[in-house]
All heavy atoms as atom14 arrays in JSON, in Angstrom:
{
  "sequence": "QDGRPVQGSERLIAGSGGSDAAINAAYEVARRAIFKAGRSGLALPPE",
  "atom14_mask": [
    [1, 1, 1, 1, 1, 1, 1, 1, 1, 0, 0, 0, 0, 0],
    [1, 1, 1, 1, 1, 1, 1, 1, 0, 0, 0, 0, 0, 0],
    [1, 1, 1, 1, 0, 0, 0, 0, 0, 0, 0, 0, 0, 0],
    [1, 1, 1, 1, 1, 1, 1, 1, 1, 1, 1, 0, 0, 0],
    [1, 1, 1, 1, 1, 1, 1, 0, 0, 0, 0, 0, 0, 0],
    [1, 1, 1, 1, 1, 1, 1, 0, 0, 0, 0, 0, 0, 0],
    [1, 1, 1, 1, 1, 1, 1, 1, 1, 0, 0, 0, 0, 0],
    [1, 1, 1, 1, 0, 0, 0, 0, 0, 0, 0, 0, 0, 0],
    [1, 1, 1, 1, 1, 1, 0, 0, 0, 0, 0, 0, 0, 0],
    [1, 1, 1, 1, 1, 1, 1, 1, 1, 0, 0, 0, 0, 0],
    [1, 1, 1, 1, 1, 1, 1, 1, 1, 1, 1, 0, 0, 0],
    [1, 1, 1, 1, 1, 1, 1, 1, 0, 0, 0, 0, 0, 0],
    [1, 1, 1, 1, 1, 1, 1, 1, 0, 0, 0, 0, 0, 0],
    [1, 1, 1, 1, 1, 0, 0, 0, 0, 0, 0, 0, 0, 0],
    [1, 1, 1, 1, 0, 0, 0, 0, 0, 0, 0, 0, 0, 0],
    [1, 1, 1, 1, 1, 1, 0, 0, 0, 0, 0, 0, 0, 0],
    [1, 1, 1, 1, 0, 0, 0, 0, 0, 0, 0, 0, 0, 0],
    [1, 1, 1, 1, 0, 0, 0, 0, 0, 0, 0, 0, 0, 0],
    [1, 1, 1, 1, 1, 1, 0, 0, 0, 0, 0, 0, 0, 0],
    [1, 1, 1, 1, 1, 1, 1, 1, 0, 0, 0, 0, 0, 0],
    [1, 1, 1, 1, 1, 0, 0, 0, 0, 0, 0, 0, 0, 0],
    [1, 1, 1, 1, 1, 0, 0, 0, 0, 0, 0, 0, 0, 0],
    [1, 1, 1, 1, 1, 1, 1, 1, 0, 0, 0, 0, 0, 0],
    [1, 1, 1, 1, 1, 1, 1, 1, 0, 0, 0, 0, 0, 0],
    [1, 1, 1, 1, 1, 0, 0, 0, 0, 0, 0, 0, 0, 0],
    [1, 1, 1, 1, 1, 0, 0, 0, 0, 0, 0, 0, 0, 0],
    [1, 1, 1, 1, 1, 1, 1, 1, 1, 1, 1, 1, 0, 0],
    [1, 1, 1, 1, 1, 1, 1, 1, 1, 0, 0, 0, 0, 0],
    [1, 1, 1, 1, 1, 1, 1, 0, 0, 0, 0, 0, 0, 0],
    [1, 1, 1, 1, 1, 0, 0, 0, 0, 0, 0, 0, 0, 0],
    [1, 1, 1, 1, 1, 1, 1, 1, 1, 1, 1, 0, 0, 0],
    [1, 1, 1, 1, 1, 1, 1, 1, 1, 1, 1, 0, 0, 0],
    [1, 1, 1, 1, 1, 0, 0, 0, 0, 0, 0, 0, 0, 0],
    [1, 1, 1, 1, 1, 1, 1, 1, 0, 0, 0, 0, 0, 0],
    [1, 1, 1, 1, 1, 1, 1, 1, 1, 1, 1, 0, 0, 0],
    [1, 1, 1, 1, 1, 1, 1, 1, 1, 0, 0, 0, 0, 0],
    [1, 1, 1, 1, 1, 0, 0, 0, 0, 0, 0, 0, 0, 0],
    [1, 1, 1, 1, 0, 0, 0, 0, 0, 0, 0, 0, 0, 0],
    [1, 1, 1, 1, 1, 1, 1, 1, 1, 1, 1, 0, 0, 0],
    [1, 1, 1, 1, 1, 1, 0, 0, 0, 0, 0, 0, 0, 0],
    [1, 1, 1, 1, 0, 0, 0, 0, 0, 0, 0, 0, 0, 0],
    [1, 1, 1, 1, 1, 1, 1, 1, 0, 0, 0, 0, 0, 0],
    [1, 1, 1, 1, 1, 0, 0, 0, 0, 0, 0, 0, 0, 0],
    [1, 1, 1, 1, 1, 1, 1, 1, 0, 0, 0, 0, 0, 0],
    [1, 1, 1, 1, 1, 1, 1, 0, 0, 0, 0, 0, 0, 0],
    [1, 1, 1, 1, 1, 1, 1, 0, 0, 0, 0, 0, 0, 0],
    [1, 1, 1, 1, 1, 1, 1, 1, 1, 0, 0, 0, 0, 0]
  ],
  "atom14_positions": [
    [[-0.93, -19.42, -10.04], [-0.58, -19.5, -11.49], [-1.62, -18.82, -12.37], [-1.29, -18.4, -13.49], [-0.35, -20.96, -11.89], [0.68, -21.08, -13.01], [1.45, -22.37, -12.93], [1.22, -23.21, -12.07], [2.38, -22.57, -13.83], [0.0, 0.0, 0.0], [0.0, 0.0, 0.0], [0.0, 0.0, 0.0], [0.0, 0.0, 0.0], [0.0, 0.0, 0.0]],
    [[-2.85, -18.74, -11.91], [-3.92, -18.09, -12.69], [-3.91, -16.58, -12.54], [-4.73, -15.85, -13.06], [-5.33, -18.62, -12.27], [-5.72, -18.3, -10.9], [-4.96, -17.65, -10.13], [-6.84, -18.73, -10.46], [0.0, 0.0, 0.0], [0.0, 0.0, 0.0], [0.0, 0.0, 0.0], [0.0, 0.0, 0.0], [0.0, 0.0, 0.0], [0.0, 0.0, 0.0]],
    [[-2.89, -16.03, -11.81], [-2.74, -14.61, -11.66], [-3.45, -14.02, -10.52], [-3.5, -12.81, -10.31], [0.0, 0.0, 0.0], [0.0, 0.0, 0.0], [0.0, 0.0, 0.0], [0.0, 0.0, 0.0], [0.0, 0.0, 0.0], [0.0, 0.0, 0.0], [0.0, 0.0, 0.0], [0.0, 0.0, 0.0], [0.0, 0.0, 0.0], [0.0, 0.0, 0.0]],
    [[-4.17, -14.83, -9.74], [-4.93, -14.32, -8.58], [-4.09, -14.37, -7.34], [-3.46, -15.4, -7.01], [-6.19, -15.19, -8.39], [-7.18, -15.1, -9.54], [-8.28, -16.09, -9.34], [-9.05, -16.28, -10.57], [-10.34, -16.07, -10.67], [-11.03, -15.7, -9.64], [-10.96, -16.24, -11.84], [0.0, 0.0, 0.0], [0.0, 0.0, 0.0], [0.0, 0.0, 0.0]],
    [[-4.1, -13.24, -6.57], [-3.37, -13.22, -5.32], [-3.95, -14.27, -4.33], [-5.16, -14.49, -4.32], [-3.63, -11.81, -4.78], [-4.05, -11.03, -5.96], [-4.76, -11.98, -6.93], [0.0, 0.0, 0.0], [0.0, 0.0, 0.0], [0.0, 0.0, 0.0], [0.0, 0.0, 0.0], [0.0, 0.0, 0.0], [0.0, 0.0, 0.0], [0.0, 0.0, 0.0]],
    [[-3.11, -14.92, -3.55], [-3.54, -15.96, -2.66], [-3.96, -15.32, -1.33], [-3.19, -14.61, -0.65], [-2.4, -16.96, -2.42], [-2.79, -18.02, -1.33], [-1.97, -17.63, -3.75], [0.0, 0.0, 0.0], [0.0, 0.0, 0.0], [0.0, 0.0, 0.0], [0.0, 0.0, 0.0], [0.0, 0.0, 0.0], [0.0, 0.0, 0.0], [0.0, 0.0, 0.0]],
    [[-5.25, -15.44, -0.99], [-5.85, -14.9, 0.25], [-4.99, -15.38, 1.45], [-4.69, -16.59, 1.54], [-7.27, -15.29, 0.43], [-8.23, -14.59, -0.48], [-8.48, -13.16, -0.1], [-8.14, -12.69, 0.99], [-9.07, -12.36, -1.0], [0.0, 0.0, 0.0], [0.0, 0.0, 0.0], [0.0, 0.0, 0.0], [0.0, 0.0, 0.0], [0.0, 0.0, 0.0]],
    [[-4.57, -14.44, 2.28], [-3.86, -14.86, 3.49], [-2.37, -14.81, 3.32], [-1.65, -14.91, 4.3], [0.0, 0.0, 0.0], [0.0, 0.0, 0.0], [0.0, 0.0, 0.0], [0.0, 0.0, 0.0], [0.0, 0.0, 0.0], [0.0, 0.0, 0.0], [0.0, 0.0, 0.0], [0.0, 0.0, 0.0], [0.0, 0.0, 0.0], [0.0, 0.0, 0.0]],
    [[-1.91, -14.68, 2.09], [-0.43, -14.67, 1.83], [0.16, -13.28, 1.93], [1.36, -13.09, 2.05], [-0.14, -15.24, 0.47], [-0.48, -14.35, -0.53], [0.0, 0.0, 0.0], [0.0, 0.0, 0.0], [0.0, 0.0, 0.0], [0.0, 0.0, 0.0], [0.0, 0.0, 0.0], [0.0, 0.0, 0.0], [0.0, 0.0, 0.0], [0.0, 0.0, 0.0]],
    [[-0.72, -12.26, 1.91], [-0.22, -10.89, 1.92], [0.35, -10.51, 3.26], [-0.11, -10.98, 4.3], [-1.39, -9.92, 1.53], [-2.43, -9.74, 2.56], [-3.55, -10.82, 2.58], [-3.44, -11.83, 1.87], [-4.48, -10.66, 3.32], [0.0, 0.0, 0.0], [0.0, 0.0, 0.0], [0.0, 0.0, 0.0], [0.0, 0.0, 0.0], [0.0, 0.0, 0.0]],
    [[1.38, -9.73, 3.22], [2.03, -9.28, 4.46], [2.73, -7.98, 4.24], [3.2, -7.68, 3.16], [3.01, -10.35, 4.96], [4.08, -10.75, 4.02], [4.32, -12.27, 4.1], [5.3, -12.72, 3.06], [4.96, -13.1, 1.81], [3.76, -12.99, 1.39], [5.89, -13.45, 1.01], [0.0, 0.0, 0.0], [0.0, 0.0, 0.0], [0.0, 0.0, 0.0]],
    [[2.8, -7.2, 5.3], [3.49, -5.87, 5.31], [4.96, -6.17, 5.52], [5.35, -6.7, 6.55], [2.91, -5.0, 6.46], [3.57, -3.67, 6.6], [3.33, -2.76, 5.36], [3.03, -2.98, 7.81], [0.0, 0.0, 0.0], [0.0, 0.0, 0.0], [0.0, 0.0, 0.0], [0.0, 0.0, 0.0], [0.0, 0.0, 0.0], [0.0, 0.0, 0.0]],
    [[5.81, -5.81, 4.56], [7.25, -6.01, 4.67], [7.92, -4.79, 5.35], [8.8, -4.94, 6.15], [7.86, -6.23, 3.26], [7.26, -7.43, 2.55], [9.36, -6.26, 3.31], [7.58, -8.73, 3.25], [0.0, 0.0, 0.0], [0.0, 0.0, 0.0], [0.0, 0.0, 0.0], [0.0, 0.0, 0.0], [0.0, 0.0, 0.0], [0.0, 0.0, 0.0]],
    [[7.47, -3.58, 4.99], [8.06, -2.37, 5.56], [7.03, -1.25, 5.42], [6.19, -1.26, 4.55], [9.31, -2.05, 4.8], [0.0, 0.0, 0.0], [0.0, 0.0, 0.0], [0.0, 0.0, 0.0], [0.0, 0.0, 0.0], [0.0, 0.0, 0.0], [0.0, 0.0, 0.0], [0.0, 0.0, 0.0], [0.0, 0.0, 0.0], [0.0, 0.0, 0.0]],
    [[7.17, -0.29, 6.33], [6.33, 0.86, 6.29], [7.14, 2.09, 6.82], [7.92, 1.91, 7.79], [0.0, 0.0, 0.0], [0.0, 0.0, 0.0], [0.0, 0.0, 0.0], [0.0, 0.0, 0.0], [0.0, 0.0, 0.0], [0.0, 0.0, 0.0], [0.0, 0.0, 0.0], [0.0, 0.0, 0.0], [0.0, 0.0, 0.0], [0.0, 0.0, 0.0]],
    [[6.98, 3.24, 6.25], [7.69, 4.42, 6.75], [6.82, 5.67, 6.48], [5.97, 5.65, 5.61], [9.05, 4.52, 6.1], [8.91, 4.7, 4.68], [0.0, 0.0, 0.0], [0.0, 0.0, 0.0], [0.0, 0.0, 0.0], [0.0, 0.0, 0.0], [0.0, 0.0, 0.0], [0.0, 0.0, 0.0], [0.0, 0.0, 0.0], [0.0, 0.0, 0.0]],
    [[7.19, 6.75, 7.17], [6.56, 8.03, 6.92], [5.43, 8.42, 7.81], [4.79, 9.46, 7.67], [0.0, 0.0, 0.0], [0.0, 0.0, 0.0], [0.0, 0.0, 0.0], [0.0, 0.0, 0.0], [0.0, 0.0, 0.0], [0.0, 0.0, 0.0], [0.0, 0.0, 0.0], [0.0, 0.0, 0.0], [0.0, 0.0, 0.0], [0.0, 0.0, 0.0]],
    [[5.17, 7.59, 8.82], [3.97, 7.89, 9.69], [3.91, 6.99, 10.86], [4.76, 6.12, 11.06], [0.0, 0.0, 0.0], [0.0, 0.0, 0.0], [0.0, 0.0, 0.0], [0.0, 0.0, 0.0], [0.0, 0.0, 0.0], [0.0, 0.0, 0.0], [0.0, 0.0, 0.0], [0.0, 0.0, 0.0], [0.0, 0.0, 0.0], [0.0, 0.0, 0.0]],
    [[2.88, 7.13, 11.66], [2.66, 6.33, 12.85], [2.29, 4.92, 12.44], [1.96, 4.65, 11.28], [1.52, 6.89, 13.7], [0.28, 6.83, 12.94], [0.0, 0.0, 0.0], [0.0, 0.0, 0.0], [0.0, 0.0, 0.0], [0.0, 0.0, 0.0], [0.0, 0.0, 0.0], [0.0, 0.0, 0.0], [0.0, 0.0, 0.0], [0.0, 0.0, 0.0]],
    [[2.27, 3.98, 13.43], [1.85, 2.64, 13.17], [0.42, 2.6, 12.59], [0.13, 1.83, 11.7], [1.95, 1.77, 14.43], [3.36, 1.39, 14.76], [4.31, 1.62, 13.98], [3.56, 0.89, 15.89], [0.0, 0.0, 0.0], [0.0, 0.0, 0.0], [0.0, 0.0, 0.0], [0.0, 0.0, 0.0], [0.0, 0.0, 0.0], [0.0, 0.0, 0.0]],
    [[-0.44, 3.45, 13.13], [-1.85, 3.47, 12.68], [-1.93, 3.92, 11.24], [-2.67, 3.39, 10.45], [-2.66, 4.41, 13.59], [0.0, 0.0, 0.0], [0.0, 0.0, 0.0], [0.0, 0.0, 0.0], [0.0, 0.0, 0.0], [0.0, 0.0, 0.0], [0.0, 0.0, 0.0], [0.0, 0.0, 0.0], [0.0, 0.0, 0.0], [0.0, 0.0, 0.0]],
    [[-1.13, 4.93, 10.85], [-1.13, 5.4, 9.48], [-0.56, 4.34, 8.54], [-1.06, 4.16, 7.43], [-0.34, 6.72, 9.38], [0.0, 0.0, 0.0], [0.0, 0.0, 0.0], [0.0, 0.0, 0.0], [0.0, 0.0, 0.0], [0.0, 0.0, 0.0], [0.0, 0.0, 0.0], [0.0, 0.0, 0.0], [0.0, 0.0, 0.0], [0.0, 0.0, 0.0]],
    [[0.5, 3.71, 8.99], [1.1, 2.61, 8.17], [0.12, 1.5, 8.0], [-0.09, 0.99, 6.87], [2.44, 2.14, 8.79], [3.49, 3.26, 8.58], [2.89, 0.82, 8.19], [4.78, 3.0, 9.4], [0.0, 0.0, 0.0], [0.0, 0.0, 0.0], [0.0, 0.0, 0.0], [0.0, 0.0, 0.0], [0.0, 0.0, 0.0], [0.0, 0.0, 0.0]],
    [[-0.57, 1.11, 9.05], [-1.6, 0.06, 8.95], [-2.74, 0.45, 8.03], [-3.18, -0.41, 7.25], [-2.12, -0.36, 10.33], [-1.08, -1.14, 11.1], [-0.27, -1.87, 10.58], [-1.21, -1.09, 12.45], [0.0, 0.0, 0.0], [0.0, 0.0, 0.0], [0.0, 0.0, 0.0], [0.0, 0.0, 0.0], [0.0, 0.0, 0.0], [0.0, 0.0, 0.0]],
    [[-3.18, 1.69, 8.09], [-4.24, 2.15, 7.22], [-3.81, 2.09, 5.78], [-4.54, 1.64, 4.91], [-4.65, 3.59, 7.59], [0.0, 0.0, 0.0], [0.0, 0.0, 0.0], [0.0, 0.0, 0.0], [0.0, 0.0, 0.0], [0.0, 0.0, 0.0], [0.0, 0.0, 0.0], [0.0, 0.0, 0.0], [0.0, 0.0, 0.0], [0.0, 0.0, 0.0]],
    [[-2.55, 2.53, 5.49], [-2.02, 2.51, 4.11], [-1.88, 1.09, 3.62], [-2.16, 0.75, 2.49], [-0.69, 3.22, 4.08], [0.0, 0.0, 0.0], [0.0, 0.0, 0.0], [0.0, 0.0, 0.0], [0.0, 0.0, 0.0], [0.0, 0.0, 0.0], [0.0, 0.0, 0.0], [0.0, 0.0, 0.0], [0.0, 0.0, 0.0], [0.0, 0.0, 0.0]],
    [[-1.47, 0.2, 4.54], [-1.33, -1.24, 4.17], [-2.68, -1.83, 3.8], [-2.78, -2.57, 2.83], [-0.71, -2.04, 5.35], [-0.86, -3.52, 5.21], [-0.16, -4.2, 4.2], [-1.64, -4.24, 6.07], [-0.28, -5.62, 4.1], [-1.82, -5.62, 5.96], [-1.09, -6.29, 4.95], [-1.28, -7.63, 4.8], [0.0, 0.0, 0.0], [0.0, 0.0, 0.0]],
    [[-3.73, -1.53, 4.58], [-5.06, -2.08, 4.26], [-5.55, -1.61, 2.9], [-6.14, -2.39, 2.15], [-6.08, -1.68, 5.39], [-5.93, -2.47, 6.64], [-6.06, -3.99, 6.42], [-6.94, -4.43, 5.64], [-5.24, -4.74, 6.99], [0.0, 0.0, 0.0], [0.0, 0.0, 0.0], [0.0, 0.0, 0.0], [0.0, 0.0, 0.0], [0.0, 0.0, 0.0]],
    [[-5.33, -0.35, 2.6], [-5.77, 0.15, 1.27], [-4.94, -0.49, 0.13], [-5.5, -0.86, -0.85], [-5.62, 1.69, 1.24], [-5.78, 2.28, -0.16], [-6.67, 2.35, 2.16], [0.0, 0.0, 0.0], [0.0, 0.0, 0.0], [0.0, 0.0, 0.0], [0.0, 0.0, 0.0], [0.0, 0.0, 0.0], [0.0, 0.0, 0.0], [0.0, 0.0, 0.0]],
    [[-3.65, -0.68, 0.35], [-2.79, -1.34, -0.62], [-3.2, -2.8, -0.8], [-3.31, -3.28, -1.95], [-1.36, -1.22, -0.15], [0.0, 0.0, 0.0], [0.0, 0.0, 0.0], [0.0, 0.0, 0.0], [0.0, 0.0, 0.0], [0.0, 0.0, 0.0], [0.0, 0.0, 0.0], [0.0, 0.0, 0.0], [0.0, 0.0, 0.0], [0.0, 0.0, 0.0]],
    [[-3.44, -3.44, 0.3], [-3.88, -4.92, 0.22], [-5.17, -5.03, -0.53], [-5.29, -5.89, -1.39], [-4.07, -5.39, 1.67], [-4.3, -6.87, 1.85], [-4.56, -7.21, 3.3], [-5.82, -6.71, 3.78], [-7.02, -7.11, 3.38], [-7.12, -8.12, 2.58], [-8.09, -6.58, 3.9], [0.0, 0.0, 0.0], [0.0, 0.0, 0.0], [0.0, 0.0, 0.0]],
    [[-6.14, -4.13, -0.24], [-7.41, -4.21, -0.96], [-7.19, -3.99, -2.49], [-7.82, -4.61, -3.31], [-8.42, -3.21, -0.4], [-9.09, -3.69, 0.86], [-10.29, -2.89, 1.23], [-10.02, -1.46, 1.47], [-9.66, -0.95, 2.65], [-9.47, -1.75, 3.69], [-9.41, 0.35, 2.8], [0.0, 0.0, 0.0], [0.0, 0.0, 0.0], [0.0, 0.0, 0.0]],
    [[-6.31, -3.06, -2.8], [-6.05, -2.8, -4.26], [-5.51, -3.98, -4.96], [-5.92, -4.33, -6.07], [-5.04, -1.59, -4.38], [0.0, 0.0, 0.0], [0.0, 0.0, 0.0], [0.0, 0.0, 0.0], [0.0, 0.0, 0.0], [0.0, 0.0, 0.0], [0.0, 0.0, 0.0], [0.0, 0.0, 0.0], [0.0, 0.0, 0.0], [0.0, 0.0, 0.0]],
    [[-4.58, -4.72, -4.3], [-4.06, -5.91, -4.92], [-5.13, -6.96, -5.14], [-5.19, -7.52, -6.24], [-2.92, -6.49, -4.01], [-1.72, -5.55, -3.94], [-2.48, -7.88, -4.53], [-0.69, -5.87, -2.91], [0.0, 0.0, 0.0], [0.0, 0.0, 0.0], [0.0, 0.0, 0.0], [0.0, 0.0, 0.0], [0.0, 0.0, 0.0], [0.0, 0.0, 0.0]],
    [[-5.98, -7.21, -4.14], [-6.97, -8.27, -4.31], [-8.09, -7.82, -5.24], [-8.59, -8.71, -6.02], [-7.46, -8.69, -2.95], [-6.52, -9.66, -2.25], [-5.59, -9.13, -1.35], [-6.47, -10.98, -2.55], [-4.66, -9.98, -0.77], [-5.57, -11.84, -1.97], [-4.66, -11.31, -1.11], [0.0, 0.0, 0.0], [0.0, 0.0, 0.0], [0.0, 0.0, 0.0]],
    [[-8.48, -6.57, -5.25], [-9.47, -6.12, -6.24], [-8.92, -6.2, -7.66], [-9.6, -6.64, -8.55], [-9.91, -4.68, -5.9], [-10.86, -4.55, -4.75], [-11.03, -3.1, -4.38], [-12.44, -2.62, -4.75], [-12.66, -1.26, -4.34], [0.0, 0.0, 0.0], [0.0, 0.0, 0.0], [0.0, 0.0, 0.0], [0.0, 0.0, 0.0], [0.0, 0.0, 0.0]],
    [[-7.7, -5.8, -7.84], [-7.07, -5.85, -9.19], [-6.91, -7.31, -9.66], [-7.06, -7.56, -10.81], [-5.73, -5.15, -9.17], [0.0, 0.0, 0.0], [0.0, 0.0, 0.0], [0.0, 0.0, 0.0], [0.0, 0.0, 0.0], [0.0, 0.0, 0.0], [0.0, 0.0, 0.0], [0.0, 0.0, 0.0], [0.0, 0.0, 0.0], [0.0, 0.0, 0.0]],
    [[-6.69, -8.17, -8.68], [-6.38, -9.59, -9.03], [-7.64, -10.45, -9.04], [-7.49, -11.67, -9.19], [0.0, 0.0, 0.0], [0.0, 0.0, 0.0], [0.0, 0.0, 0.0], [0.0, 0.0, 0.0], [0.0, 0.0, 0.0], [0.0, 0.0, 0.0], [0.0, 0.0, 0.0], [0.0, 0.0, 0.0], [0.0, 0.0, 0.0], [0.0, 0.0, 0.0]],
    [[-8.82, -9.89, -8.88], [-10.04, -10.69, -8.74], [-10.17, -11.62, -9.95], [-10.53, -12.82, -9.8], [-11.23, -9.77, -8.63], [-12.5, -10.48, -8.19], [-13.62, -9.51, -7.95], [-13.34, -8.63, -6.85], [-13.63, -7.32, -6.81], [-14.2, -6.73, -7.85], [-13.34, -6.6, -5.73], [0.0, 0.0, 0.0], [0.0, 0.0, 0.0], [0.0, 0.0, 0.0]],
    [[-9.89, -11.16, -11.18], [-9.96, -11.99, -12.33], [-8.55, -12.3, -12.91], [-8.46, -12.71, -14.02], [-10.89, -11.4, -13.4], [-10.39, -10.09, -13.74], [0.0, 0.0, 0.0], [0.0, 0.0, 0.0], [0.0, 0.0, 0.0], [0.0, 0.0, 0.0], [0.0, 0.0, 0.0], [0.0, 0.0, 0.0], [0.0, 0.0, 0.0], [0.0, 0.0, 0.0]],
    [[-7.56, -12.12, -12.07], [-6.16, -12.44, -12.46], [-5.43, -11.14, -12.8], [-5.91, -10.27, -13.52], [0.0, 0.0, 0.0], [0.0, 0.0, 0.0], [0.0, 0.0, 0.0], [0.0, 0.0, 0.0], [0.0, 0.0, 0.0], [0.0, 0.0, 0.0], [0.0, 0.0, 0.0], [0.0, 0.0, 0.0], [0.0, 0.0, 0.0], [0.0, 0.0, 0.0]],
    [[-4.22, -11.07, -12.28], [-3.34, -9.88, -12.53], [-2.75, -10.02, -13.95], [-2.58, -11.08, -14.48], [-2.26, -9.81, -11.51], [-2.7, -9.53, -10.06], [-1.57, -9.77, -9.12], [-3.26, -8.13, -9.94], [0.0, 0.0, 0.0], [0.0, 0.0, 0.0], [0.0, 0.0, 0.0], [0.0, 0.0, 0.0], [0.0, 0.0, 0.0], [0.0, 0.0, 0.0]],
    [[-2.49, -8.88, -14.54], [-1.98, -8.82, -15.91], [-0.53, -9.16, -15.95], [0.35, -8.31, -16.03], [-2.25, -7.42, -16.5], [0.0, 0.0, 0.0], [0.0, 0.0, 0.0], [0.0, 0.0, 0.0], [0.0, 0.0, 0.0], [0.0, 0.0, 0.0], [0.0, 0.0, 0.0], [0.0, 0.0, 0.0], [0.0, 0.0, 0.0], [0.0, 0.0, 0.0]],
    [[-0.22, -10.43, -15.75], [1.19, -10.91, -15.73], [1.3, -12.07, -16.68], [0.41, -12.89, -16.8], [1.54, -11.33, -14.29], [1.57, -10.18, -13.28], [1.52, -10.73, -11.87], [2.81, -9.32, -13.51], [0.0, 0.0, 0.0], [0.0, 0.0, 0.0], [0.0, 0.0, 0.0], [0.0, 0.0, 0.0], [0.0, 0.0, 0.0], [0.0, 0.0, 0.0]],
    [[2.39, -12.17, -17.45], [2.58, -13.2, -18.46], [2.75, -14.62, -17.85], [3.65, -14.86, -17.08], [3.83, -12.79, -19.22], [4.59, -11.93, -18.27], [3.57, -11.27, -17.34], [0.0, 0.0, 0.0], [0.0, 0.0, 0.0], [0.0, 0.0, 0.0], [0.0, 0.0, 0.0], [0.0, 0.0, 0.0], [0.0, 0.0, 0.0], [0.0, 0.0, 0.0]],
    [[1.82, -15.52, -18.2], [1.84, -16.88, -17.61], [3.18, -17.57, -17.75], [3.62, -18.35, -16.92], [0.72, -17.64, -18.35], [-0.13, -16.6, -18.94], [0.71, -15.4, -19.15], [0.0, 0.0, 0.0], [0.0, 0.0, 0.0], [0.0, 0.0, 0.0], [0.0, 0.0, 0.0], [0.0, 0.0, 0.0], [0.0, 0.0, 0.0], [0.0, 0.0, 0.0]],
    [[3.88, -17.36, -18.9], [5.12, -18.03, -19.18], [6.24, -17.61, -18.24], [7.31, -18.2, -18.21], [5.49, -17.93, -20.66], [5.9, -16.5, -21.12], [4.76, -15.56, -21.41], [3.57, -15.93, -21.17], [5.02, -14.45, -21.85], [0.0, 0.0, 0.0], [0.0, 0.0, 0.0], [0.0, 0.0, 0.0], [0.0, 0.0, 0.0], [0.0, 0.0, 0.0]]
  ]
}
């Protein structure tokens, strides 16, 4: 509710356009972006 992503809740739903290794690498970069952006809360309306 404070806008922070919950550690351990992230999951890869789908990936396309490359090998499993490339998809996993892209997922890791995406996951880090979400948690870095949400460190002090994501810009989402509380209401």
